[in-house]
Amino acid sequence: GDEWRKRANLRLLFGFMYAYPGSKLLFMGGEFGQSREWSDHRQLDWDLLESADHAGIQHLVRDLNHLYREEPALHLYNYNAEGFEWIDCNDASQSVVSFMRKSDSGFVVVVLNFTPITRDEYRIGVPVAGVYHERINTDSSYYGGSNTGNLKPVESEPVPWMGKNHSISLTLPPLGALILSV
């Protein structure tokens, strides 16, 4: 794809990797989107960080590292089934996947849009009533994205959806990952 899609897909991949259970792996240069293959005969292409797009990827990785460390739901039960729950893994027609990561003290909701199409008013079920805040939106302009998403907190509605008593209606960014919490 074009440069925009390449960077958006990388940001989506990082959002997915940090939110999904298991070990996290970054290889040299991945944290800022180095496009040239790594070689032990030369240094990394650090000059790419002069570009706002590559610096944005680095900012995303930094923020994902901080969120991963401070949010128990993302790491506490990383290798235990009780720390993960699908919300919806069957929306192949729109290429959207949603799940929860859980800990003893709370949870986060993760929604991934694997298409370059913005999904307006996309409804997902949530476990509790409340106001949901974006903790990470990989399409934020701060990360080099188009800034599509939920700029304001999203209040749940008592609309049963996907086996949950409450739901929220979201704007899903193109090729984007959202991590939300109450």
Protein backbone atom coordinates (compact mmCIF):
# COMPACT_ATOMS: atom_id res chain seq x y z
CA GLY A 1 0.00 0.00 0.00
CA ASP A 2 0.87 3.66 0.02
CA GLU A 3 2.89 5.29 2.78
CA TRP A 4 -0.22 6.28 4.77
CA ARG A 5 -1.50 2.68 4.82
CA LYS A 6 1.90 1.30 5.72
CA ARG A 7 2.17 3.57 8.76
CA ALA A 8 -1.50 3.09 9.73
CA ASN A 9 -1.11 -0.70 9.53
CA LEU A 10 2.02 -0.53 11.68
CA ARG A 11 0.23 1.58 14.30
CA LEU A 12 -2.71 -0.87 14.21
CA LEU A 13 -0.31 -3.80 14.61
CA PHE A 14 1.31 -2.17 17.64
CA GLY A 15 -2.10 -1.45 19.22
CA PHE A 16 -3.13 -5.07 18.64
CA MET A 17 0.15 -6.50 19.92
CA TYR A 18 0.13 -4.52 23.16
CA ALA A 19 -3.54 -5.27 23.85
CA TYR A 20 -3.53 -8.98 22.99
CA PRO A 21 -2.29 -11.51 25.57
CA GLY A 22 1.24 -12.84 25.35
CA SER A 23 4.78 -11.55 25.02
CA LYS A 24 5.51 -8.34 23.16
CA LEU A 25 8.28 -8.20 20.56
CA LEU A 26 9.85 -5.16 18.95
CA PHE A 27 12.79 -5.51 16.63
CA MET A 28 15.40 -2.84 16.05
CA GLY A 29 13.90 0.15 14.26
CA GLY A 30 10.31 -1.07 14.50
CA GLU A 31 9.60 1.41 17.27
CA PHE A 32 9.85 4.27 14.77
CA GLY A 33 8.84 2.54 11.55
CA GLN A 34 12.20 2.00 9.90
CA SER A 35 11.41 0.88 6.36
CA ARG A 36 14.85 -0.44 5.44
CA GLU A 37 15.78 -3.95 6.53
CA TRP A 38 17.98 -4.07 9.62
CA SER A 39 21.65 -4.86 9.07
CA ASP A 40 24.45 -5.34 11.54
CA HIS A 41 26.72 -3.44 9.12
CA ARG A 42 25.06 -0.06 9.67
CA GLN A 43 23.21 1.84 12.35
CA LEU A 44 19.46 2.31 12.47
CA ASP A 45 17.95 5.09 10.35
CA TRP A 46 17.60 7.50 13.28
CA ASP A 47 17.27 10.43 10.88
CA LEU A 48 13.73 9.16 10.09
CA LEU A 49 12.69 10.63 13.46
CA GLU A 50 12.97 14.07 11.88
CA SER A 51 9.76 13.15 10.04
CA ALA A 52 6.57 13.73 12.06
CA ASP A 53 5.14 10.43 10.78
CA HIS A 54 8.04 8.35 12.13
CA ALA A 55 8.23 10.38 15.34
CA GLY A 56 4.49 9.71 15.75
CA ILE A 57 5.09 5.96 15.62
CA GLN A 58 7.78 6.35 18.27
CA HIS A 59 5.36 8.35 20.45
CA LEU A 60 2.74 5.62 20.06
CA VAL A 61 5.16 2.90 21.16
CA ARG A 62 6.20 5.04 24.15
CA ASP A 63 2.56 5.59 25.16
CA LEU A 64 1.70 1.91 24.67
CA ASN A 65 4.66 0.96 26.89
CA HIS A 66 3.43 3.34 29.61
CA LEU A 67 -0.18 2.13 29.35
CA TYR A 68 0.93 -1.51 29.38
CA ARG A 69 2.94 -0.94 32.55
CA GLU A 70 0.30 1.09 34.42
CA GLU A 71 -2.85 -0.82 33.37
CA PRO A 72 -3.02 -4.20 35.18
CA ALA A 73 -5.66 -5.51 32.76
CA LEU A 74 -3.08 -5.48 29.98
CA HIS A 75 -0.48 -7.59 31.77
CA LEU A 76 -1.70 -9.20 35.01
CA TYR A 77 -3.25 -12.31 33.42
CA ASN A 78 -1.19 -12.28 30.25
CA TYR A 79 -0.98 -16.07 30.15
CA ASN A 80 -4.27 -16.97 31.82
CA ALA A 81 -7.69 -17.27 30.15
CA GLU A 82 -9.42 -15.26 32.90
CA GLY A 83 -7.65 -12.12 31.66
CA PHE A 84 -9.23 -12.20 28.18
CA GLU A 85 -12.78 -12.16 26.85
CA TRP A 86 -14.02 -11.76 23.30
CA ILE A 87 -16.69 -9.14 22.77
CA ASP A 88 -17.05 -9.90 19.06
CA CYS A 89 -14.73 -11.93 16.86
CA ASN A 90 -17.31 -12.69 14.16
CA ASP A 91 -17.61 -9.42 12.25
CA ALA A 92 -15.63 -10.59 9.23
CA SER A 93 -17.77 -8.56 6.83
CA GLN A 94 -16.50 -5.30 8.38
CA SER A 95 -13.12 -6.68 9.54
CA VAL A 96 -13.64 -5.46 13.12
CA VAL A 97 -12.59 -7.38 16.22
CA SER A 98 -13.33 -6.41 19.83
CA PHE A 99 -12.30 -7.93 23.15
CA MET A 100 -11.68 -7.15 26.79
CA ARG A 101 -8.55 -7.53 28.83
CA LYS A 102 -9.30 -8.01 32.53
CA SER A 103 -7.63 -7.91 35.91
CA ASP A 104 -8.85 -8.08 39.51
CA SER A 105 -9.13 -4.29 39.56
CA GLY A 106 -10.80 -3.59 36.22
CA PHE A 107 -10.79 -4.04 32.48
CA VAL A 108 -10.10 -2.33 29.18
CA VAL A 109 -12.09 -2.62 25.97
CA VAL A 110 -10.13 -3.05 22.73
CA VAL A 111 -11.64 -2.46 19.29
CA LEU A 112 -9.64 -3.04 16.11
CA ASN A 113 -10.72 -1.90 12.64
CA PHE A 114 -8.67 -3.75 10.01
CA THR A 115 -9.99 -1.75 7.04
CA PRO A 116 -9.12 1.72 5.71
CA ILE A 117 -12.79 2.68 6.17
CA THR A 118 -14.06 4.78 9.08
CA ARG A 119 -16.88 2.98 10.91
CA ASP A 120 -19.38 5.49 12.32
CA GLU A 121 -21.85 4.48 15.03
CA TYR A 122 -20.28 1.05 15.49
CA ARG A 123 -21.96 -0.55 18.50
CA ILE A 124 -20.28 -2.97 20.88
CA GLY A 125 -21.47 -4.54 24.10
CA VAL A 126 -19.78 -3.50 27.34
CA PRO A 127 -19.86 -5.19 30.75
CA VAL A 128 -20.82 -2.18 32.89
CA ALA A 129 -22.61 1.11 32.57
CA GLY A 130 -20.36 4.14 32.59
CA VAL A 131 -18.45 6.71 30.62
CA TYR A 132 -15.76 5.17 28.41
CA HIS A 133 -12.59 7.12 27.62
CA GLU A 134 -10.09 6.48 24.85
CA ARG A 135 -6.79 5.59 26.46
CA ILE A 136 -5.14 4.94 23.10
CA ASN A 137 -6.31 5.75 19.59
CA THR A 138 -3.64 4.68 17.11
CA ASP A 139 -5.14 7.08 14.53
CA SER A 140 -4.51 10.15 16.69
CA SER A 141 -2.79 12.98 14.81
CA TYR A 142 -0.21 12.90 17.60
CA TYR A 143 0.85 9.49 16.26
CA GLY A 144 0.71 10.55 12.61
CA GLY A 145 -2.90 9.50 11.99
CA SER A 146 -5.96 11.30 10.65
CA ASN A 147 -7.41 12.00 14.13
CA THR A 148 -10.59 10.01 13.54
CA GLY A 149 -12.17 8.62 16.67
CA ASN A 150 -14.10 9.59 19.74
CA LEU A 151 -12.83 12.97 20.78
CA LYS A 152 -15.22 13.06 23.73
CA PRO A 153 -15.88 10.33 26.29
CA VAL A 154 -18.59 7.87 25.25
CA GLU A 155 -21.44 7.17 27.67
CA SER A 156 -22.88 3.67 27.66
CA GLU A 157 -26.53 3.08 26.94
CA PRO A 158 -28.84 0.45 28.46
CA VAL A 159 -29.08 -1.20 25.03
CA PRO A 160 -28.33 -4.94 25.26
CA TRP A 161 -25.74 -5.94 22.68
CA MET A 162 -23.49 -8.93 22.13
CA GLY A 163 -24.63 -10.63 25.30
CA LYS A 164 -24.01 -7.56 27.46
CA ASN A 165 -26.65 -5.42 29.19
CA HIS A 166 -25.05 -2.17 28.05
CA SER A 167 -23.41 -0.94 24.88
CA ILE A 168 -21.53 1.98 23.42
CA SER A 169 -21.60 3.48 19.94
CA LEU A 170 -18.16 4.35 18.64
CA THR A 171 -16.46 5.96 15.68
CA LEU A 172 -13.78 3.48 14.61
CA PRO A 173 -10.78 5.04 12.89
CA PRO A 174 -9.54 3.56 9.62
CA LEU A 175 -6.84 0.94 10.17
CA GLY A 176 -7.03 1.84 13.82
CA ALA A 177 -6.98 0.41 17.30
CA LEU A 178 -8.90 1.84 20.26
CA ILE A 179 -8.21 0.97 23.89
CA LEU A 180 -10.92 2.29 26.21
CA SER A 181 -11.63 2.20 29.92
CA VAL A 182 -14.32 3.39 32.28
